[in-house]
Every structure is written in C-alpha cells, then in structure tokens.
C-alpha cells in the first residue's frame, strides 16, 4: 500500500461533533407535533428518521470491526460476503425501515440525544487510537444497501460515512 499521507483526523472528528450538535439542535427546537409529522419522501414520522440518523453512527461502530476483520482476509472472501449481502437488499431495506420504527420508541426524542452523545464519544475515542495504516484498510461493501456505500471502503471512509447519511436524512425532516 503506497503512502498516501496522513489522514485528516481533525476533519473527521469535527464532522462527528457537527452532527452531534446538529442533532441536539434539532431535538431542542422541535415541538411535540413536529416529531409526529410525516417526514418528506419517507413513510416515517420525523422522530423515526431522527433515530435512524443516530443509528447510522451506531452501525459504524460495527462496520469498523468488520473492516478490521475482512481487510485481513483474501479479497475474494470480502467480495463474496458483499455479494451475499447485496442479494438480501429487499429484506435489509424492510428490516432497516421497521427497525427504525421500533427503535425510535425506545431511543425516542427524550433518549436519542444521550445515545448520540455516547456513540459519537466512542467513535471519537476509536478514531484517536487508529493508525493511518489501519485507516487505509478496506473491504468490499454491499453497494445496494446505502447510496453512500462504495464497492470498496476504507476504515477512513467508514468514519466519514455517517455524516453523509446524517445529512441526507436531515433534508427529509419536516420540522417546524
């Protein structure tokens, strides 16, 4: 692997913090009626994509583990795994939708801010411990699962992913 220079950790950390603050601003400025209003372009109420935005950060913690493991295996293993996941895309989308509906009842408007704080703090600690070599590790991803997944993603790209996911869903909210 060629030396590509240092990874801009402060930029990644700042984006994690930006999303954390943004979520708290959204939660603090929304009225009870805002949370129950339908979001734009989804079947969710505003509260559900708000949780789903936090969930994107929760998923990243698991994706980091997968990249660390699969990056050490032969590429064909990771590509095969990504193909199997892609084949299950319709089921994944249904579980993703229903899971966010159900989870938003637990990590609701009163609890999702604290959950966001915890998960982003954990990501910040993890990012600070990563070496540049580890941040360049990569694996194949199921590109049909998410518009921000690419065929191969590095650990650095996985750390950057949830901000894109957050911003995408932020534009679907119909808050006050």
Protein backbone atom coordinates (compact mmCIF):
# COMPACT_ATOMS: atom_id res chain seq x y z
CA UNK A 1 0.00 0.00 0.00
CA UNK A 2 1.53 3.31 -1.10
CA UNK A 3 1.94 6.06 1.45
CA UNK A 4 -0.96 8.45 0.90
CA UNK A 5 -0.04 10.93 3.58
CA UNK A 6 -1.71 11.36 6.94
CA UNK A 7 -5.46 11.09 7.36
CA UNK A 8 -7.15 14.34 8.38
CA UNK A 9 -8.39 13.13 11.77
CA UNK A 10 -9.37 16.61 12.97
CA UNK A 11 -11.69 16.96 9.97
CA UNK A 12 -13.36 13.61 10.69
CA UNK A 13 -13.63 14.43 14.41
CA UNK A 14 -15.12 17.84 13.60
CA UNK A 15 -17.75 16.24 11.38
CA UNK A 16 -18.70 13.81 14.14
CA UNK A 17 -19.07 16.74 16.54
CA UNK A 18 -21.00 18.78 13.96
CA UNK A 19 -23.61 16.04 13.61
CA UNK A 20 -23.85 15.56 17.38
CA UNK A 21 -24.52 19.26 17.90
CA UNK A 22 -26.92 19.38 14.97
CA UNK A 23 -28.96 16.51 16.40
CA UNK A 24 -29.24 18.29 19.75
CA UNK A 25 -30.32 21.48 17.98
CA UNK A 26 -32.98 19.57 16.04
CA UNK A 27 -34.24 17.84 19.17
CA UNK A 28 -34.26 21.08 21.16
CA UNK A 29 -36.10 23.13 18.56
CA UNK A 30 -38.80 20.62 17.56
CA UNK A 31 -42.27 20.72 19.07
CA UNK A 32 -44.17 17.55 20.03
CA UNK A 33 -46.22 17.97 16.86
CA UNK A 34 -43.06 18.22 14.77
CA UNK A 35 -41.91 14.78 15.91
CA UNK A 36 -45.22 13.20 14.89
CA UNK A 37 -45.40 14.90 11.47
CA UNK A 38 -44.54 12.83 8.39
CA UNK A 39 -41.05 13.34 7.02
CA UNK A 40 -40.52 14.26 3.38
CA UNK A 41 -40.24 11.34 0.96
CA UNK A 42 -40.42 8.53 3.55
CA UNK A 43 -43.04 6.53 5.41
CA UNK A 44 -41.52 7.70 8.70
CA UNK A 45 -42.61 10.39 11.11
CA UNK A 46 -39.86 12.93 11.89
CA UNK A 47 -38.95 11.12 15.11
CA UNK A 48 -38.12 7.93 13.23
CA UNK A 49 -35.53 9.34 10.80
CA UNK A 50 -34.03 11.31 13.69
CA UNK A 51 -33.37 7.98 15.40
CA UNK A 52 -32.23 6.49 12.08
CA UNK A 53 -29.67 9.30 11.79
CA UNK A 54 -28.26 8.30 15.19
CA UNK A 55 -28.46 4.66 14.19
CA UNK A 56 -26.08 5.40 11.31
CA UNK A 57 -23.41 6.20 13.90
CA UNK A 58 -24.29 3.08 15.90
CA UNK A 59 -23.87 0.93 12.77
CA UNK A 60 -20.46 2.43 12.07
CA UNK A 61 -19.12 1.00 15.30
CA UNK A 62 -19.95 -2.48 13.97
CA UNK A 63 -18.71 -1.70 10.45
CA UNK A 64 -15.33 -0.73 11.86
CA UNK A 65 -14.99 -4.23 13.32
CA UNK A 66 -15.99 -5.82 10.01
CA UNK A 67 -13.46 -3.76 8.05
CA UNK A 68 -10.72 -4.66 10.51
CA UNK A 69 -11.52 -8.38 10.10
CA UNK A 70 -12.27 -8.56 6.37
CA UNK A 71 -9.30 -6.40 5.42
CA UNK A 72 -7.08 -9.21 6.70
CA UNK A 73 -8.82 -11.89 4.62
CA UNK A 74 -8.40 -12.59 0.91
CA UNK A 75 -10.29 -10.04 -1.22
CA UNK A 76 -12.49 -12.76 -2.72
CA UNK A 77 -13.91 -13.51 0.76
CA UNK A 78 -14.94 -9.90 1.29
CA UNK A 79 -16.35 -9.58 -2.24
CA UNK A 80 -18.35 -12.77 -1.75
CA UNK A 81 -19.69 -11.50 1.57
CA UNK A 82 -20.70 -8.19 -0.06
CA UNK A 83 -22.47 -10.06 -2.89
CA UNK A 84 -24.44 -12.16 -0.39
CA UNK A 85 -25.46 -9.01 1.49
CA UNK A 86 -26.43 -7.28 -1.76
CA UNK A 87 -28.64 -10.28 -2.66
CA UNK A 88 -30.54 -9.68 0.58
CA UNK A 89 -31.15 -5.98 -0.15
CA UNK A 90 -35.01 -6.14 -0.19
CA UNK A 91 -35.04 -7.83 3.22
CA UNK A 92 -32.38 -5.42 4.51
CA UNK A 93 -34.47 -2.38 3.48
CA UNK A 94 -37.57 -3.79 5.19
CA UNK A 95 -35.67 -4.54 8.41
CA UNK A 96 -33.96 -1.13 8.23
CA UNK A 97 -37.34 0.63 7.95
CA UNK A 98 -39.19 -1.42 10.58
CA UNK A 99 -36.19 -1.47 12.90
CA UNK A 100 -36.03 2.31 12.93
CA UNK A 101 -39.78 2.49 13.57
CA UNK A 102 -39.47 0.16 16.57
CA UNK A 103 -36.18 1.53 17.90
CA UNK A 104 -37.49 5.10 17.86
CA UNK A 105 -39.95 4.04 20.55
CA UNK A 106 -37.01 3.14 22.81
CA UNK A 107 -34.45 5.75 21.71
CA UNK A 108 -37.16 8.38 21.36
CA UNK A 109 -36.89 12.17 21.37
CA UNK A 110 -36.02 12.12 25.09
CA UNK A 111 -33.29 9.45 24.86
CA UNK A 112 -31.72 9.64 21.40
CA UNK A 113 -29.61 12.69 22.24
CA UNK A 114 -27.85 10.83 25.06
CA UNK A 115 -27.42 7.78 22.82
CA UNK A 116 -25.91 10.00 20.14
CA UNK A 117 -23.52 11.52 22.68
CA UNK A 118 -22.37 8.07 23.81
CA UNK A 119 -21.87 6.60 20.35
CA UNK A 120 -20.07 9.64 18.94
CA UNK A 121 -17.81 9.80 22.01
CA UNK A 122 -16.93 6.15 21.39
CA UNK A 123 -16.23 6.87 17.72
CA UNK A 124 -14.05 9.84 18.68
CA UNK A 125 -12.00 7.64 21.05
CA UNK A 126 -11.69 4.91 18.44
CA UNK A 127 -10.64 7.40 15.74
CA UNK A 128 -7.97 8.85 18.02
CA UNK A 129 -6.44 5.37 18.52
CA UNK A 130 -6.37 4.40 14.83
CA UNK A 131 -3.10 4.39 12.95
CA UNK A 132 -3.01 5.80 9.43
CA UNK A 133 -2.20 2.29 8.20
CA UNK A 134 -5.37 0.96 9.84
CA UNK A 135 -7.43 3.82 8.43
CA UNK A 136 -6.32 2.69 4.95
CA UNK A 137 -7.54 -0.90 5.49
CA UNK A 138 -10.51 -1.71 3.26
CA UNK A 139 -13.16 -4.25 2.41
CA UNK A 140 -15.92 -4.74 -0.16
CA UNK A 141 -19.33 -3.28 0.72
CA UNK A 142 -22.90 -4.08 -0.36
CA UNK A 143 -23.48 -1.09 -2.63
CA UNK A 144 -27.23 -1.68 -2.92
CA UNK A 145 -27.72 -1.18 0.82
CA UNK A 146 -26.93 2.51 1.00
CA UNK A 147 -26.29 5.26 -1.56
CA UNK A 148 -23.13 6.25 0.31
CA UNK A 149 -21.55 2.79 0.23
CA UNK A 150 -18.96 2.23 -2.48
CA UNK A 151 -17.70 -1.11 -3.79
CA UNK A 152 -14.67 -0.89 -1.53
CA UNK A 153 -14.44 1.29 1.55
CA UNK A 154 -11.51 2.09 3.80
CA UNK A 155 -11.80 2.49 7.54
CA UNK A 156 -11.36 6.23 6.96
CA UNK A 157 -14.34 6.24 4.58
CA UNK A 158 -16.40 4.33 7.13
CA UNK A 159 -15.66 7.01 9.74
CA UNK A 160 -16.80 9.63 7.20
CA UNK A 161 -19.91 7.73 6.10
CA UNK A 162 -22.34 8.57 8.94
CA UNK A 163 -22.07 12.32 8.37
CA UNK A 164 -23.23 11.85 4.77
CA UNK A 165 -26.03 9.56 5.95
CA UNK A 166 -27.00 12.08 8.65
CA UNK A 167 -27.13 15.00 6.20
CA UNK A 168 -29.15 13.01 3.66
CA UNK A 169 -31.85 12.19 6.20
CA UNK A 170 -31.67 15.67 7.74
CA UNK A 171 -33.06 17.03 4.46
CA UNK A 172 -36.06 14.72 4.77
CA UNK A 173 -37.17 16.18 8.10
CA UNK A 174 -40.19 18.48 8.15
CA UNK A 175 -39.57 20.11 11.50
CA UNK A 176 -41.18 23.50 12.28
